[in-house]
Amino acid sequence: MKILRMIAVFAMVALCGAPIGLQSAAAQNAATPEALQAARDLVALLNKETLHQMVSRMTEQVWPVYERGLRTKQPNISDSVVAELRRELERIQLDYISAVMADAPVIYARHFSAAELRELLAFYHTPVGEKSLRELPQIGAEAMALIMPRLPQVRTQTMDAFTKILRQRGLEI
């Protein structure tokens, strides 16, 4: 479950990348139907181009741990079964991420106007936009690989620093 949450967070980070210089619309209470349709078009493009690649990259990061566990507990497991299980993991991740992303158009439409969403779509049809769709999953996977080993230390340091501030103010959690 922890891995699925990590993948979902990564998905949102990787799929929400936008070209620099675009101004987002003020947060709206309700998105217009036009903005919602443009957001659906954008998310469909992003999903089509990036979800499978993203899942593949994430699996590359987590699979060695799973495989090591499988081979430790079932030393006679065949390579073909291990490969089949890896494909199953990728399928499951893709299903979950696709389900998470089903709600993404509403979020995009709350933060961007229909015109801005059309600009994003236009950008992703340019050579740089197309390249970003290819490269962002790898960039995200590399960033996650960089962040994950350091996360426990960052969490500890953050809590220590925050606890110090609380104590200075005569407070505690």
Foldseek 3Di string as FASTA:
>chain_A
DVLLVVLLVLLCVLLVDFDPPQDKDAFDPFFDPLLLVLLVVSLVVLCVLALLVLLVLSLVVPVVVVVVVCCVVPVPDDPVVSVVVSVVSSVVSSVSNVVSSVPVSRVSRRTHHSVSSVVRVVQCPDPVNVVSSVCSSVVSSVVCVVCVVCVVVVVVVVVVVVQVVQVVVVHHD
